Each structure stands twice: as C-alpha cells, then as structure tokens.
Amino acid sequence: MQSIKSRMIRIVIGAIIMVVGAFYHSWWGAVGLIPFVVGVSGFCPACYFLNRCKLPQK
C-alpha cells in the first residue's frame, strides 16, 4: 500500500509520459501505463515482493 502523495505523483508522471508518447507517436507512451496503473490501484509489485513498503499492511 502506498501513501496518497506517492500515488498522486505516480499518476501524474504516468499521465505525462502517456501524453508525451502520444504526441510523438512513440511506444514510450505505453510505458506510462505502469506508474499510472500502480498509482490508481495503490498496489506496487516492487514494494510488495522486495518488502520495502513503509506503510502498515491492511
């Protein structure tokens, strides 16, 4: 689980990457889906599997 601030940052960064990728007709826009989905869902596989989450688990 991520903090609200972290989730908002990931959503904004993901959206920016997707918009820039769409503007330049690049596949890099698809990379923006990763931080966007992580921000929206609140689940970060890297934090989960590496046990680096600082927030208490629900």
C-alpha atoms as a PDB file:
ATOM      1  CA  MET A   1       0.000   0.000   0.000  1.00  0.00           C
ATOM      2  CA  GLN A   2       1.259   3.452  -0.893  1.00  0.00           C
ATOM      3  CA  SER A   3       0.718   6.872   0.614  1.00  0.00           C
ATOM      4  CA  ILE A   4      -1.670   9.280  -1.092  1.00  0.00           C
ATOM      5  CA  LYS A   5       1.208  11.601  -2.025  1.00  0.00           C
ATOM      6  CA  SER A   6       3.153   8.764  -3.671  1.00  0.00           C
ATOM      7  CA  ARG A   7       0.080   7.596  -5.569  1.00  0.00           C
ATOM      8  CA  MET A   8      -0.672  11.094  -6.894  1.00  0.00           C
ATOM      9  CA  ILE A   9       2.933  11.549  -8.044  1.00  0.00           C
ATOM     10  CA  ARG A  10       2.827   8.219  -9.897  1.00  0.00           C
ATOM     11  CA  ILE A  11      -0.487   9.085 -11.545  1.00  0.00           C
ATOM     12  CA  VAL A  12       0.786  12.478 -12.733  1.00  0.00           C
ATOM     13  CA  ILE A  13       4.104  11.104 -14.001  1.00  0.00           C
ATOM     14  CA  GLY A  14       2.349   8.231 -15.780  1.00  0.00           C
ATOM     15  CA  ALA A  15      -0.123  10.601 -17.413  1.00  0.00           C
ATOM     16  CA  ILE A  16       2.674  12.913 -18.563  1.00  0.00           C
ATOM     17  CA  ILE A  17       4.615  10.016 -20.099  1.00  0.00           C
ATOM     18  CA  MET A  18       1.477   8.783 -21.894  1.00  0.00           C
ATOM     19  CA  VAL A  19       0.663  12.253 -23.282  1.00  0.00           C
ATOM     20  CA  VAL A  20       4.236  12.833 -24.488  1.00  0.00           C
ATOM     21  CA  GLY A  21       4.311   9.360 -26.046  1.00  0.00           C
ATOM     22  CA  ALA A  22       1.025  10.007 -27.835  1.00  0.00           C
ATOM     23  CA  PHE A  23       2.213  13.428 -29.009  1.00  0.00           C
ATOM     24  CA  TYR A  24       5.389  11.978 -30.527  1.00  0.00           C
ATOM     25  CA  HIS A  25       3.646   8.783 -31.751  1.00  0.00           C
ATOM     26  CA  SER A  26       6.031   6.687 -29.688  1.00  0.00           C
ATOM     27  CA  TRP A  27       5.600   3.390 -27.872  1.00  0.00           C
ATOM     28  CA  TRP A  28       7.095   5.069 -24.818  1.00  0.00           C
ATOM     29  CA  GLY A  29       3.572   6.229 -24.087  1.00  0.00           C
ATOM     30  CA  ALA A  30       2.718   2.643 -23.197  1.00  0.00           C
ATOM     31  CA  VAL A  31       5.442   2.718 -20.524  1.00  0.00           C
ATOM     32  CA  GLY A  32       3.426   5.453 -18.816  1.00  0.00           C
ATOM     33  CA  LEU A  33       0.713   2.894 -18.116  1.00  0.00           C
ATOM     34  CA  ILE A  34       2.897   1.223 -15.489  1.00  0.00           C
ATOM     35  CA  PRO A  35       3.182   4.110 -12.994  1.00  0.00           C
ATOM     36  CA  PHE A  36      -0.373   5.206 -13.830  1.00  0.00           C
ATOM     37  CA  VAL A  37      -1.884   1.787 -13.003  1.00  0.00           C
ATOM     38  CA  VAL A  38       0.287   1.459  -9.895  1.00  0.00           C
ATOM     39  CA  GLY A  39      -0.885   4.892  -8.722  1.00  0.00           C
ATOM     40  CA  VAL A  40      -4.550   4.212  -9.399  1.00  0.00           C
ATOM     41  CA  SER A  41      -4.585   0.733  -7.855  1.00  0.00           C
ATOM     42  CA  GLY A  42      -2.301   1.547  -4.924  1.00  0.00           C
ATOM     43  CA  PHE A  43      -0.531  -1.788  -5.297  1.00  0.00           C
ATOM     44  CA  CYS A  44       3.167  -1.694  -6.144  1.00  0.00           C
ATOM     45  CA  PRO A  45       4.563  -5.127  -7.019  1.00  0.00           C
ATOM     46  CA  ALA A  46       8.149  -3.954  -6.428  1.00  0.00           C
ATOM     47  CA  CYS A  47       7.337  -2.786  -2.894  1.00  0.00           C
ATOM     48  CA  TYR A  48       5.404  -5.971  -2.198  1.00  0.00           C
ATOM     49  CA  PHE A  49       7.953  -8.502  -3.453  1.00  0.00           C
ATOM     50  CA  LEU A  50      11.014  -6.639  -2.168  1.00  0.00           C
ATOM     51  CA  ASN A  51       9.309  -5.953   1.183  1.00  0.00           C
ATOM     52  CA  ARG A  52      10.166  -2.246   1.013  1.00  0.00           C
ATOM     53  CA  CYS A  53       6.758  -0.826   1.882  1.00  0.00           C
ATOM     54  CA  LYS A  54       6.956   1.504   4.876  1.00  0.00           C
ATOM     55  CA  LEU A  55       3.203   1.674   5.430  1.00  0.00           C
ATOM     56  CA  PRO A  56       1.413  -0.918   7.546  1.00  0.00           C
ATOM     57  CA  GLN A  57      -0.321  -3.657   5.589  1.00  0.00           C
ATOM     58  CA  LYS A  58      -4.116  -3.780   5.774  1.00  0.00           C
END
